[in-house]
C-alpha atoms as a PDB file:
ATOM      1  CA  MET A   1       0.000   0.000   0.000  1.00  0.00           C
ATOM      2  CA  GLY A   2       1.418   3.352  -1.050  1.00  0.00           C
ATOM      3  CA  PHE A   3       1.849   6.403   1.043  1.00  0.00           C
ATOM      4  CA  THR A   4      -0.534   9.293   0.251  1.00  0.00           C
ATOM      5  CA  HIS A   5       0.546  12.765   1.059  1.00  0.00           C
ATOM      6  CA  PRO A   6      -1.740  14.432   3.644  1.00  0.00           C
ATOM      7  CA  THR A   7      -2.411  17.484   1.481  1.00  0.00           C
ATOM      8  CA  ARG A   8      -3.519  15.291  -1.408  1.00  0.00           C
ATOM      9  CA  TRP A   9      -6.127  13.670   0.853  1.00  0.00           C
ATOM     10  CA  PHE A  10      -7.242  17.082   2.062  1.00  0.00           C
ATOM     11  CA  TYR A  11      -7.820  18.364  -1.471  1.00  0.00           C
ATOM     12  CA  ARG A  12      -9.748  15.226  -2.441  1.00  0.00           C
ATOM     13  CA  PHE A  13     -11.940  15.670   0.609  1.00  0.00           C
ATOM     14  CA  LYS A  14     -12.409  19.369  -0.152  1.00  0.00           C
ATOM     15  CA  ILE A  15     -13.444  18.659  -3.746  1.00  0.00           C
ATOM     16  CA  MET A  16     -15.903  15.973  -2.652  1.00  0.00           C
ATOM     17  CA  ALA A  17     -17.359  18.311  -0.022  1.00  0.00           C
ATOM     18  CA  ALA A  18     -17.732  21.077  -2.593  1.00  0.00           C
ATOM     19  CA  LEU A  19     -19.662  18.791  -4.901  1.00  0.00           C
ATOM     20  CA  LYS A  20     -22.196  17.889  -2.223  1.00  0.00           C
ATOM     21  CA  ILE A  21     -23.120  21.435  -1.171  1.00  0.00           C
ATOM     22  CA  SER A  22     -26.720  22.300  -1.999  1.00  0.00           C
ATOM     23  CA  LEU A  23     -27.581  25.343  -4.042  1.00  0.00           C
ATOM     24  CA  LYS A  24     -29.265  26.988  -1.048  1.00  0.00           C
ATOM     25  CA  ALA A  25     -26.212  26.433   1.160  1.00  0.00           C
ATOM     26  CA  ARG A  26     -23.957  27.828  -1.549  1.00  0.00           C
ATOM     27  CA  ALA A  27     -26.176  30.918  -1.899  1.00  0.00           C
ATOM     28  CA  LEU A  28     -26.149  31.471   1.861  1.00  0.00           C
ATOM     29  CA  ARG A  29     -22.380  31.127   1.918  1.00  0.00           C
ATOM     30  CA  TYR A  30     -22.045  33.782  -0.810  1.00  0.00           C
ATOM     31  CA  LEU A  31     -24.435  36.077   1.073  1.00  0.00           C
ATOM     32  CA  SER A  32     -22.574  35.590   4.345  1.00  0.00           C
ATOM     33  CA  ILE A  33     -19.385  36.882   2.740  1.00  0.00           C
ATOM     34  CA  ARG A  34     -20.961  40.080   1.313  1.00  0.00           C
ATOM     35  CA  GLU A  35     -24.185  41.412  -0.162  1.00  0.00           C
ATOM     36  CA  HIS A  36     -24.955  40.305  -3.717  1.00  0.00           C
ATOM     37  CA  SER A  37     -27.450  41.560  -6.272  1.00  0.00           C
ATOM     38  CA  ARG A  38     -30.072  39.141  -7.527  1.00  0.00           C
ATOM     39  CA  ALA A  39     -28.492  38.998 -10.992  1.00  0.00           C
ATOM     40  CA  GLU A  40     -24.988  38.467  -9.613  1.00  0.00           C
ATOM     41  CA  LEU A  41     -26.077  35.667  -7.275  1.00  0.00           C
ATOM     42  CA  ALA A  42     -28.053  33.976 -10.055  1.00  0.00           C
ATOM     43  CA  ARG A  43     -24.992  34.095 -12.319  1.00  0.00           C
ATOM     44  CA  LYS A  44     -22.793  32.554  -9.612  1.00  0.00           C
ATOM     45  CA  LEU A  45     -25.293  29.795  -8.823  1.00  0.00           C
ATOM     46  CA  GLU A  46     -25.896  28.852 -12.481  1.00  0.00           C
ATOM     47  CA  ARG A  47     -22.532  27.082 -12.548  1.00  0.00           C
ATOM     48  CA  TYR A  48     -23.613  24.652  -9.867  1.00  0.00           C
ATOM     49  CA  ALA A  49     -27.284  24.205 -10.774  1.00  0.00           C
ATOM     50  CA  GLU A  50     -28.605  20.934 -12.089  1.00  0.00           C
ATOM     51  CA  GLU A  51     -31.625  20.503 -14.334  1.00  0.00           C
ATOM     52  CA  SER A  52     -33.950  19.957 -11.383  1.00  0.00           C
ATOM     53  CA  ASP A  53     -32.797  23.106  -9.559  1.00  0.00           C
ATOM     54  CA  ASP A  54     -34.915  26.230  -9.854  1.00  0.00           C
ATOM     55  CA  ILE A  55     -32.655  29.224  -9.258  1.00  0.00           C
ATOM     56  CA  GLU A  56     -35.451  31.802  -9.558  1.00  0.00           C
ATOM     57  CA  ALA A  57     -37.513  30.046  -6.870  1.00  0.00           C
ATOM     58  CA  LEU A  58     -34.469  29.956  -4.595  1.00  0.00           C
ATOM     59  CA  LEU A  59     -33.831  33.667  -5.163  1.00  0.00           C
ATOM     60  CA  ASP A  60     -37.493  34.441  -4.447  1.00  0.00           C
ATOM     61  CA  PHE A  61     -37.224  32.449  -1.200  1.00  0.00           C
ATOM     62  CA  LEU A  62     -34.055  34.312  -0.190  1.00  0.00           C
ATOM     63  CA  GLU A  63     -35.747  37.649  -0.856  1.00  0.00           C
ATOM     64  CA  ALA A  64     -38.855  36.591   1.094  1.00  0.00           C
ATOM     65  CA  GLN A  65     -36.629  35.713   4.062  1.00  0.00           C
ATOM     66  CA  ASN A  66     -34.862  39.082   3.613  1.00  0.00           C
ATOM     67  CA  TRP A  67     -31.514  37.359   3.151  1.00  0.00           C
ATOM     68  CA  LEU A  68     -31.179  38.837  -0.330  1.00  0.00           C
ATOM     69  CA  SER A  69     -31.965  42.543  -0.637  1.00  0.00           C
ATOM     70  CA  GLN A  70     -31.373  44.880  -3.536  1.00  0.00           C
ATOM     71  CA  THR A  71     -31.519  47.865  -1.163  1.00  0.00           C
ATOM     72  CA  ARG A  72     -28.824  46.465   1.134  1.00  0.00           C
ATOM     73  CA  PHE A  73     -26.725  45.528  -1.879  1.00  0.00           C
ATOM     74  CA  SER A  74     -27.001  49.060  -3.279  1.00  0.00           C
ATOM     75  CA  GLU A  75     -26.089  50.629   0.051  1.00  0.00           C
ATOM     76  CA  ALA A  76     -23.101  48.329   0.486  1.00  0.00           C
ATOM     77  CA  LEU A  77     -21.808  49.000  -3.023  1.00  0.00           C
ATOM     78  CA  ILE A  78     -22.188  52.760  -2.575  1.00  0.00           C
ATOM     79  CA  LYS A  79     -20.379  52.597   0.756  1.00  0.00           C
ATOM     80  CA  ARG A  80     -17.476  50.691  -0.835  1.00  0.00           C
ATOM     81  CA  ARG A  81     -17.206  52.886  -3.930  1.00  0.00           C
ATOM     82  CA  ALA A  82     -18.227  56.415  -2.873  1.00  0.00           C
ATOM     83  CA  ALA A  83     -14.865  57.365  -1.377  1.00  0.00           C
ATOM     84  CA  ARG A  84     -13.048  56.621  -4.642  1.00  0.00           C
ATOM     85  CA  TYR A  85     -15.486  57.068  -7.526  1.00  0.00           C
ATOM     86  CA  GLY A  86     -17.960  59.572  -8.930  1.00  0.00           C
ATOM     87  CA  ASN A  87     -21.676  59.272  -9.498  1.00  0.00           C
ATOM     88  CA  SER A  88     -21.605  58.093 -13.103  1.00  0.00           C
ATOM     89  CA  ARG A  89     -19.217  55.230 -12.349  1.00  0.00           C
ATOM     90  CA  ILE A  90     -21.210  54.084  -9.296  1.00  0.00           C
ATOM     91  CA  LEU A  91     -24.527  54.305 -11.163  1.00  0.00           C
ATOM     92  CA  ALA A  92     -23.106  52.363 -14.121  1.00  0.00           C
ATOM     93  CA  GLU A  93     -21.949  49.617 -11.771  1.00  0.00           C
ATOM     94  CA  LEU A  94     -25.362  49.463 -10.109  1.00  0.00           C
ATOM     95  CA  GLN A  95     -27.016  49.189 -13.522  1.00  0.00           C
ATOM     96  CA  SER A  96     -24.671  46.361 -14.492  1.00  0.00           C
ATOM     97  CA  HIS A  97     -25.871  44.504 -11.376  1.00  0.00           C
ATOM     98  CA  GLY A  98     -29.511  44.855 -12.396  1.00  0.00           C
ATOM     99  CA  ILE A  99     -30.521  47.806 -10.229  1.00  0.00           C
ATOM    100  CA  GLY A 100     -32.795  50.180 -12.093  1.00  0.00           C
ATOM    101  CA  GLY A 101     -35.973  52.201 -12.129  1.00  0.00           C
ATOM    102  CA  ASP A 102     -37.039  54.241  -9.119  1.00  0.00           C
ATOM    103  CA  ALA A 103     -34.287  52.822  -6.909  1.00  0.00           C
ATOM    104  CA  LEU A 104     -31.624  54.108  -9.296  1.00  0.00           C
ATOM    105  CA  THR A 105     -33.258  57.548  -9.492  1.00  0.00           C
ATOM    106  CA  GLU A 106     -33.347  57.796  -5.702  1.00  0.00           C
ATOM    107  CA  ILE A 107     -29.712  56.721  -5.412  1.00  0.00           C
ATOM    108  CA  LYS A 108     -28.727  59.274  -8.051  1.00  0.00           C
ATOM    109  CA  MET A 109     -30.319  62.084  -6.026  1.00  0.00           C
ATOM    110  CA  GLU A 110     -28.607  60.918  -2.822  1.00  0.00           C
ATOM    111  CA  LEU A 111     -25.196  60.750  -4.503  1.00  0.00           C
ATOM    112  CA  ALA A 112     -25.548  64.197  -6.072  1.00  0.00           C
ATOM    113  CA  VAL A 113     -25.595  65.837  -2.641  1.00  0.00           C
ATOM    114  CA  ASP A 114     -21.921  65.264  -1.859  1.00  0.00           C
ATOM    115  CA  GLU A 115     -20.281  64.628  -5.229  1.00  0.00           C
ATOM    116  CA  ILE A 116     -18.216  67.827  -5.108  1.00  0.00           C
ATOM    117  CA  ALA A 117     -16.845  67.000  -1.659  1.00  0.00           C
ATOM    118  CA  ARG A 118     -15.993  63.466  -2.761  1.00  0.00           C
ATOM    119  CA  ALA A 119     -14.287  64.782  -5.917  1.00  0.00           C
ATOM    120  CA  ARG A 120     -12.297  67.220  -3.803  1.00  0.00           C
ATOM    121  CA  ALA A 121     -11.234  64.458  -1.401  1.00  0.00           C
ATOM    122  CA  VAL A 122     -10.127  62.177  -4.267  1.00  0.00           C
ATOM    123  CA  TRP A 123      -8.239  65.050  -5.896  1.00  0.00           C
ATOM    124  CA  CYS A 124      -6.486  66.011  -2.632  1.00  0.00           C
ATOM    125  CA  LYS A 125      -5.460  62.427  -1.963  1.00  0.00           C
ATOM    126  CA  LYS A 126      -3.970  61.979  -5.429  1.00  0.00           C
ATOM    127  CA  PHE A 127      -2.470  65.395  -6.163  1.00  0.00           C
ATOM    128  CA  GLY A 128      -2.723  67.759  -3.196  1.00  0.00           C
ATOM    129  CA  ILE A 129      -1.438  70.854  -5.016  1.00  0.00           C
ATOM    130  CA  LEU A 130      -2.924  73.053  -7.700  1.00  0.00           C
ATOM    131  CA  ALA A 131      -1.716  72.563 -11.249  1.00  0.00           C
ATOM    132  CA  THR A 132       0.905  75.044 -12.379  1.00  0.00           C
ATOM    133  CA  ASP A 133       0.280  74.723 -16.115  1.00  0.00           C
ATOM    134  CA  ALA A 134      -2.534  73.784 -18.473  1.00  0.00           C
ATOM    135  CA  ALA A 135      -1.165  70.316 -19.245  1.00  0.00           C
ATOM    136  CA  GLU A 136      -1.038  69.360 -15.577  1.00  0.00           C
ATOM    137  CA  ARG A 137      -4.511  70.783 -14.977  1.00  0.00           C
ATOM    138  CA  THR A 138      -5.857  68.748 -17.898  1.00  0.00           C
ATOM    139  CA  ARG A 139      -4.201  65.629 -16.516  1.00  0.00           C
ATOM    140  CA  GLN A 140      -5.775  66.178 -13.101  1.00  0.00           C
ATOM    141  CA  MET A 141      -9.196  66.804 -14.623  1.00  0.00           C
ATOM    142  CA  ARG A 142      -8.903  63.693 -16.793  1.00  0.00           C
ATOM    143  CA  PHE A 143      -8.069  61.641 -13.681  1.00  0.00           C
ATOM    144  CA  LEU A 144     -11.264  62.790 -11.951  1.00  0.00           C
ATOM    145  CA  GLN A 145     -13.276  62.246 -15.128  1.00  0.00           C
ATOM    146  CA  GLN A 146     -12.033  58.655 -15.409  1.00  0.00           C
ATOM    147  CA  ARG A 147     -13.136  58.135 -11.816  1.00  0.00           C
ATOM    148  CA  GLY A 148     -16.689  59.002 -12.880  1.00  0.00           C
ATOM    149  CA  PHE A 149     -17.110  62.521 -11.560  1.00  0.00           C
ATOM    150  CA  SER A 150     -19.272  64.965 -13.513  1.00  0.00           C
ATOM    151  CA  PRO A 151     -17.664  67.963 -15.245  1.00  0.00           C
ATOM    152  CA  CYS A 152     -19.454  70.354 -12.856  1.00  0.00           C
ATOM    153  CA  ALA A 153     -18.128  68.486  -9.810  1.00  0.00           C
ATOM    154  CA  ILE A 154     -14.613  68.411 -11.277  1.00  0.00           C
ATOM    155  CA  GLN A 155     -14.555  72.133 -11.946  1.00  0.00           C
ATOM    156  CA  ALA A 156     -16.040  72.982  -8.561  1.00  0.00           C
ATOM    157  CA  ALA A 157     -13.623  70.669  -6.762  1.00  0.00           C
ATOM    158  CA  MET A 158     -10.566  72.043  -8.503  1.00  0.00           C
ATOM    159  CA  ARG A 159     -11.734  75.620  -8.164  1.00  0.00           C
ATOM    160  CA  GLY A 160     -12.465  75.258  -4.451  1.00  0.00           C
ATOM    161  CA  VAL A 161      -9.412  73.220  -3.494  1.00  0.00           C
ATOM    162  CA  VAL A 162      -7.741  76.082  -1.661  1.00  0.00           C
ATOM    163  CA  ASP A 163     -10.781  76.536   0.626  1.00  0.00           C
ATOM    164  CA  PHE A 164     -10.483  73.611   3.073  1.00  0.00           C
ATOM    165  CA  ASP A 165     -12.916  75.106   5.611  1.00  0.00           C
ATOM    166  CA  ASP A 166     -16.039  73.594   3.940  1.00  0.00           C
END
């Protein structure tokens, strides 16, 4: 009888355990790590679904139990992204996760309140000093634009950088 390395046994056991996890348990494990959108969770579960599994029914059950919530997902994503990105980038990401309609309009209004302050904070963290020439100013503005800030927020942030009392 040959000697089997302990790690080889561990990986075999891990693979076998992964194969036996139910779709509901897998969904709960994903949700325990972080909030997911309905579309994102469905995409992740499709890999492991068999013909007899009904992903939509499982997602409806998770929403009924309040374990899956589009509102919580939106709030969590905004909290993670707001310190680094502008409104258009955050809204585009929410749309890619299947958030839309009235929820997106409400989020857009909430984000518009502090976009200038967020743009100013991102600018200060990256650059910290005013541009001395037009090329440098353009580079700084392009950086904020790539982060998803609106042109109005970029101009206001760069114009009001000297005034830190806000």
